[in-house]
Amino acid sequence: MPPIRMPNKTEAESAKISAKFAAAMENVFSGMNGDALLYLGPAATLTRTPDEPSIYLDAAYRAEINRRNQIRGLPLLPDAVPFESIAASPHPMRP
């Protein structure tokens, strides 16, 4: 992680703050700061069900996302595809 640049801080102070931040993020992402961890089995056996198409293909939802993308200067969503062409079956988390 590159050092965080801060006004009124020396390069050594910025590096120290960056190191503390990196360590804090490692604790967050590893679960060290959690109250408990949930073991779901070996990573190779984990599956993920794709998002429900009726949510992200809903016309009102897509219109709102396009409205927000326009405000942010982001590209609009592509045209929706029919529900029938989308399979929502579980697949491995990692290819």
N, C-alpha and C. Protein backbone atom coordinates (compact mmCIF):
# COMPACT_ATOMS: atom_id res chain seq x y z
N MET A 1 0.84 -1.17 0.00
CA MET A 1 0.00 0.00 0.00
C MET A 1 0.89 1.24 0.00
N PRO A 2 0.64 2.18 -0.92
CA PRO A 2 1.46 3.40 -0.95
C PRO A 2 1.17 4.25 0.28
N PRO A 3 2.16 5.02 0.71
CA PRO A 3 1.93 5.85 1.89
C PRO A 3 0.84 6.88 1.63
N ILE A 4 0.12 7.20 2.67
CA ILE A 4 -0.92 8.21 2.60
C ILE A 4 -0.25 9.58 2.69
N ARG A 5 -0.55 10.47 1.77
CA ARG A 5 0.03 11.82 1.78
C ARG A 5 -0.88 12.74 2.59
N MET A 6 -0.30 13.39 3.60
CA MET A 6 -1.08 14.29 4.43
C MET A 6 -0.34 15.60 4.60
N PRO A 7 -1.09 16.71 4.54
CA PRO A 7 -0.42 17.99 4.77
C PRO A 7 0.04 18.09 6.22
N ASN A 8 1.08 18.83 6.42
CA ASN A 8 1.63 19.07 7.77
C ASN A 8 2.19 17.82 8.42
N LYS A 9 2.48 16.78 7.64
CA LYS A 9 3.10 15.56 8.18
C LYS A 9 4.37 15.29 7.39
N THR A 10 5.39 14.82 8.09
CA THR A 10 6.62 14.45 7.39
C THR A 10 6.40 13.13 6.67
N GLU A 11 7.31 12.79 5.81
CA GLU A 11 7.19 11.52 5.08
C GLU A 11 7.22 10.34 6.04
N ALA A 12 8.05 10.43 7.09
CA ALA A 12 8.14 9.36 8.09
C ALA A 12 6.83 9.22 8.86
N GLU A 13 6.22 10.36 9.22
CA GLU A 13 4.94 10.32 9.94
C GLU A 13 3.83 9.74 9.04
N SER A 14 3.83 10.13 7.77
CA SER A 14 2.84 9.60 6.83
C SER A 14 3.01 8.09 6.67
N ALA A 15 4.26 7.61 6.58
CA ALA A 15 4.53 6.18 6.44
C ALA A 15 4.05 5.43 7.68
N LYS A 16 4.25 6.01 8.85
CA LYS A 16 3.81 5.37 10.09
C LYS A 16 2.29 5.26 10.14
N ILE A 17 1.60 6.33 9.75
CA ILE A 17 0.14 6.32 9.72
C ILE A 17 -0.35 5.30 8.70
N SER A 18 0.30 5.23 7.53
CA SER A 18 -0.08 4.26 6.50
C SER A 18 0.08 2.83 7.01
N ALA A 19 1.16 2.57 7.74
CA ALA A 19 1.38 1.23 8.29
C ALA A 19 0.30 0.87 9.31
N LYS A 20 -0.07 1.82 10.15
CA LYS A 20 -1.14 1.57 11.13
C LYS A 20 -2.46 1.29 10.42
N PHE A 21 -2.74 2.07 9.38
CA PHE A 21 -3.98 1.88 8.63
C PHE A 21 -3.99 0.51 7.97
N ALA A 22 -2.87 0.10 7.35
CA ALA A 22 -2.79 -1.20 6.70
C ALA A 22 -3.01 -2.32 7.71
N ALA A 23 -2.42 -2.20 8.89
CA ALA A 23 -2.60 -3.22 9.93
C ALA A 23 -4.06 -3.28 10.40
N ALA A 24 -4.69 -2.11 10.53
CA ALA A 24 -6.09 -2.08 10.94
C ALA A 24 -6.98 -2.73 9.89
N MET A 25 -6.71 -2.46 8.62
CA MET A 25 -7.51 -3.06 7.54
C MET A 25 -7.30 -4.57 7.49
N GLU A 26 -6.09 -5.03 7.74
CA GLU A 26 -5.82 -6.47 7.77
C GLU A 26 -6.64 -7.14 8.87
N ASN A 27 -6.73 -6.49 10.03
CA ASN A 27 -7.54 -7.04 11.12
C ASN A 27 -9.02 -7.07 10.76
N VAL A 28 -9.50 -6.04 10.08
CA VAL A 28 -10.91 -6.00 9.68
C VAL A 28 -11.21 -7.11 8.69
N PHE A 29 -10.39 -7.23 7.64
CA PHE A 29 -10.66 -8.19 6.58
C PHE A 29 -10.40 -9.64 7.01
N SER A 30 -9.54 -9.85 8.00
CA SER A 30 -9.26 -11.22 8.44
C SER A 30 -10.26 -11.71 9.48
N GLY A 31 -11.05 -10.81 10.04
CA GLY A 31 -12.01 -11.20 11.06
C GLY A 31 -11.47 -11.05 12.47
N MET A 32 -10.27 -10.53 12.62
CA MET A 32 -9.67 -10.38 13.95
C MET A 32 -10.47 -9.42 14.84
N ASN A 33 -11.16 -8.47 14.25
CA ASN A 33 -11.94 -7.51 15.03
C ASN A 33 -13.37 -7.97 15.25
N GLY A 34 -13.73 -9.14 14.77
CA GLY A 34 -15.09 -9.64 14.91
C GLY A 34 -15.32 -10.32 16.25
N ASP A 35 -16.58 -10.47 16.59
CA ASP A 35 -16.95 -11.17 17.81
C ASP A 35 -16.89 -12.68 17.62
N ALA A 36 -17.12 -13.12 16.37
CA ALA A 36 -17.13 -14.55 16.07
C ALA A 36 -16.86 -14.74 14.59
N LEU A 37 -16.44 -15.93 14.23
CA LEU A 37 -16.23 -16.28 12.84
C LEU A 37 -17.12 -17.47 12.49
N LEU A 38 -17.60 -17.50 11.29
CA LEU A 38 -18.45 -18.59 10.83
C LEU A 38 -17.66 -19.41 9.82
N TYR A 39 -17.39 -20.68 10.14
CA TYR A 39 -16.67 -21.57 9.23
C TYR A 39 -17.68 -22.30 8.36
N LEU A 40 -17.57 -22.13 7.06
CA LEU A 40 -18.51 -22.74 6.13
C LEU A 40 -17.92 -23.92 5.38
N GLY A 41 -16.74 -24.35 5.76
CA GLY A 41 -16.10 -25.48 5.10
C GLY A 41 -14.95 -25.04 4.22
N PRO A 42 -14.32 -25.99 3.55
CA PRO A 42 -13.19 -25.66 2.69
C PRO A 42 -13.60 -24.71 1.56
N ALA A 43 -12.71 -23.82 1.19
CA ALA A 43 -13.01 -22.83 0.15
C ALA A 43 -13.41 -23.48 -1.16
N ALA A 44 -12.85 -24.62 -1.47
CA ALA A 44 -13.14 -25.29 -2.75
C ALA A 44 -14.59 -25.77 -2.83
N THR A 45 -15.26 -25.92 -1.70
CA THR A 45 -16.63 -26.43 -1.71
C THR A 45 -17.69 -25.33 -1.63
N LEU A 46 -17.26 -24.07 -1.48
CA LEU A 46 -18.21 -22.97 -1.35
C LEU A 46 -18.86 -22.65 -2.69
N THR A 47 -20.13 -22.36 -2.66
CA THR A 47 -20.84 -21.95 -3.88
C THR A 47 -21.55 -20.64 -3.62
N ARG A 48 -21.91 -19.98 -4.69
CA ARG A 48 -22.61 -18.70 -4.60
C ARG A 48 -23.77 -18.73 -5.57
N THR A 49 -24.94 -18.36 -5.11
CA THR A 49 -26.09 -18.27 -5.99
C THR A 49 -26.10 -16.88 -6.60
N PRO A 50 -26.21 -16.78 -7.91
CA PRO A 50 -26.22 -15.45 -8.54
C PRO A 50 -27.38 -14.60 -8.03
N ASP A 51 -27.23 -13.30 -8.20
CA ASP A 51 -28.30 -12.38 -7.79
C ASP A 51 -29.59 -12.72 -8.53
N GLU A 52 -30.70 -12.51 -7.86
CA GLU A 52 -32.00 -12.79 -8.44
C GLU A 52 -32.27 -11.83 -9.59
N PRO A 53 -32.46 -12.34 -10.81
CA PRO A 53 -32.64 -11.46 -11.96
C PRO A 53 -33.83 -10.52 -11.86
N SER A 54 -34.88 -10.91 -11.15
CA SER A 54 -36.06 -10.04 -11.07
C SER A 54 -35.74 -8.73 -10.33
N ILE A 55 -34.62 -8.71 -9.58
CA ILE A 55 -34.23 -7.48 -8.90
C ILE A 55 -33.51 -6.55 -9.87
N TYR A 56 -32.40 -7.03 -10.45
CA TYR A 56 -31.60 -6.13 -11.27
C TYR A 56 -32.15 -5.92 -12.68
N LEU A 57 -33.17 -6.66 -13.09
CA LEU A 57 -33.79 -6.43 -14.38
C LEU A 57 -35.10 -5.65 -14.25
N ASP A 58 -35.49 -5.32 -13.04
CA ASP A 58 -36.70 -4.55 -12.79
C ASP A 58 -36.55 -3.16 -13.43
N ALA A 59 -37.57 -2.73 -14.18
CA ALA A 59 -37.49 -1.46 -14.91
C ALA A 59 -37.29 -0.26 -13.98
N ALA A 60 -37.98 -0.23 -12.86
CA ALA A 60 -37.85 0.90 -11.92
C ALA A 60 -36.45 0.94 -11.31
N TYR A 61 -35.92 -0.22 -10.96
CA TYR A 61 -34.57 -0.31 -10.39
C TYR A 61 -33.55 0.18 -11.41
N ARG A 62 -33.65 -0.31 -12.65
CA ARG A 62 -32.70 0.08 -13.69
C ARG A 62 -32.79 1.58 -13.98
N ALA A 63 -34.00 2.14 -13.95
CA ALA A 63 -34.16 3.58 -14.18
C ALA A 63 -33.47 4.37 -13.08
N GLU A 64 -33.59 3.92 -11.83
CA GLU A 64 -32.94 4.62 -10.72
C GLU A 64 -31.43 4.51 -10.82
N ILE A 65 -30.91 3.34 -11.16
CA ILE A 65 -29.47 3.18 -11.31
C ILE A 65 -28.95 4.06 -12.45
N ASN A 66 -29.69 4.10 -13.56
CA ASN A 66 -29.29 4.97 -14.68
C ASN A 66 -29.32 6.44 -14.27
N ARG A 67 -30.31 6.84 -13.48
CA ARG A 67 -30.39 8.22 -12.99
C ARG A 67 -29.16 8.56 -12.16
N ARG A 68 -28.79 7.64 -11.26
CA ARG A 68 -27.62 7.87 -10.41
C ARG A 68 -26.33 7.86 -11.23
N ASN A 69 -26.24 6.98 -12.22
CA ASN A 69 -25.05 6.94 -13.07
C ASN A 69 -24.90 8.24 -13.85
N GLN A 70 -26.01 8.81 -14.31
CA GLN A 70 -25.94 10.08 -15.03
C GLN A 70 -25.41 11.18 -14.12
N ILE A 71 -25.86 11.21 -12.87
CA ILE A 71 -25.39 12.22 -11.91
C ILE A 71 -23.89 12.07 -11.70
N ARG A 72 -23.41 10.84 -11.60
CA ARG A 72 -21.99 10.57 -11.35
C ARG A 72 -21.13 10.65 -12.61
N GLY A 73 -21.78 10.76 -13.78
CA GLY A 73 -21.02 10.79 -15.02
C GLY A 73 -20.56 9.41 -15.45
N LEU A 74 -21.27 8.38 -15.00
CA LEU A 74 -20.94 7.00 -15.35
C LEU A 74 -21.80 6.55 -16.53
N PRO A 75 -21.37 5.49 -17.23
CA PRO A 75 -22.18 5.01 -18.34
C PRO A 75 -23.50 4.41 -17.86
N LEU A 76 -24.49 4.47 -18.71
CA LEU A 76 -25.79 3.89 -18.40
C LEU A 76 -25.72 2.37 -18.50
N LEU A 77 -26.64 1.69 -17.84
CA LEU A 77 -26.71 0.24 -17.91
C LEU A 77 -27.10 -0.19 -19.33
N PRO A 78 -26.58 -1.30 -19.79
CA PRO A 78 -27.01 -1.78 -21.11
C PRO A 78 -28.47 -2.23 -21.06
N ASP A 79 -29.06 -2.38 -22.23
CA ASP A 79 -30.45 -2.83 -22.28
C ASP A 79 -30.58 -4.17 -21.57
N ALA A 80 -31.71 -4.36 -20.89
CA ALA A 80 -31.96 -5.61 -20.15
C ALA A 80 -32.19 -6.77 -21.11
N VAL A 81 -31.83 -7.96 -20.64
CA VAL A 81 -32.07 -9.17 -21.41
C VAL A 81 -33.30 -9.87 -20.82
N PRO A 82 -34.00 -10.68 -21.60
CA PRO A 82 -35.18 -11.37 -21.06
C PRO A 82 -34.82 -12.29 -19.89
N PHE A 83 -35.73 -12.44 -18.94
CA PHE A 83 -35.51 -13.30 -17.78
C PHE A 83 -35.17 -14.74 -18.19
N GLU A 84 -35.81 -15.22 -19.23
CA GLU A 84 -35.66 -16.62 -19.61
C GLU A 84 -34.22 -16.99 -19.95
N SER A 85 -33.41 -16.02 -20.38
CA SER A 85 -32.05 -16.34 -20.80
C SER A 85 -31.05 -16.31 -19.66
N ILE A 86 -31.53 -16.08 -18.44
CA ILE A 86 -30.62 -16.00 -17.29
C ILE A 86 -30.83 -17.19 -16.39
N ALA A 87 -29.77 -17.96 -16.17
CA ALA A 87 -29.85 -19.09 -15.26
C ALA A 87 -29.33 -18.66 -13.89
N ALA A 88 -30.10 -18.87 -12.85
CA ALA A 88 -29.70 -18.49 -11.50
C ALA A 88 -29.44 -19.74 -10.68
N SER A 89 -28.43 -20.48 -11.06
CA SER A 89 -28.09 -21.68 -10.31
C SER A 89 -26.76 -21.47 -9.59
N PRO A 90 -26.54 -22.16 -8.47
CA PRO A 90 -25.30 -21.99 -7.73
C PRO A 90 -24.08 -22.36 -8.57
N HIS A 91 -22.99 -21.67 -8.32
CA HIS A 91 -21.74 -21.97 -8.98
C HIS A 91 -20.60 -21.75 -7.98
N PRO A 92 -19.41 -22.31 -8.23
CA PRO A 92 -18.31 -22.18 -7.28
C PRO A 92 -17.95 -20.72 -7.04
N MET A 93 -17.55 -20.41 -5.81
CA MET A 93 -17.14 -19.05 -5.47
C MET A 93 -15.88 -18.67 -6.23
N ARG A 94 -14.95 -19.60 -6.35
CA ARG A 94 -13.68 -19.34 -7.03
C ARG A 94 -13.56 -20.28 -8.21
N PRO A 95 -13.23 -19.71 -9.39
CA PRO A 95 -13.13 -20.59 -10.57
C PRO A 95 -11.99 -21.58 -10.47
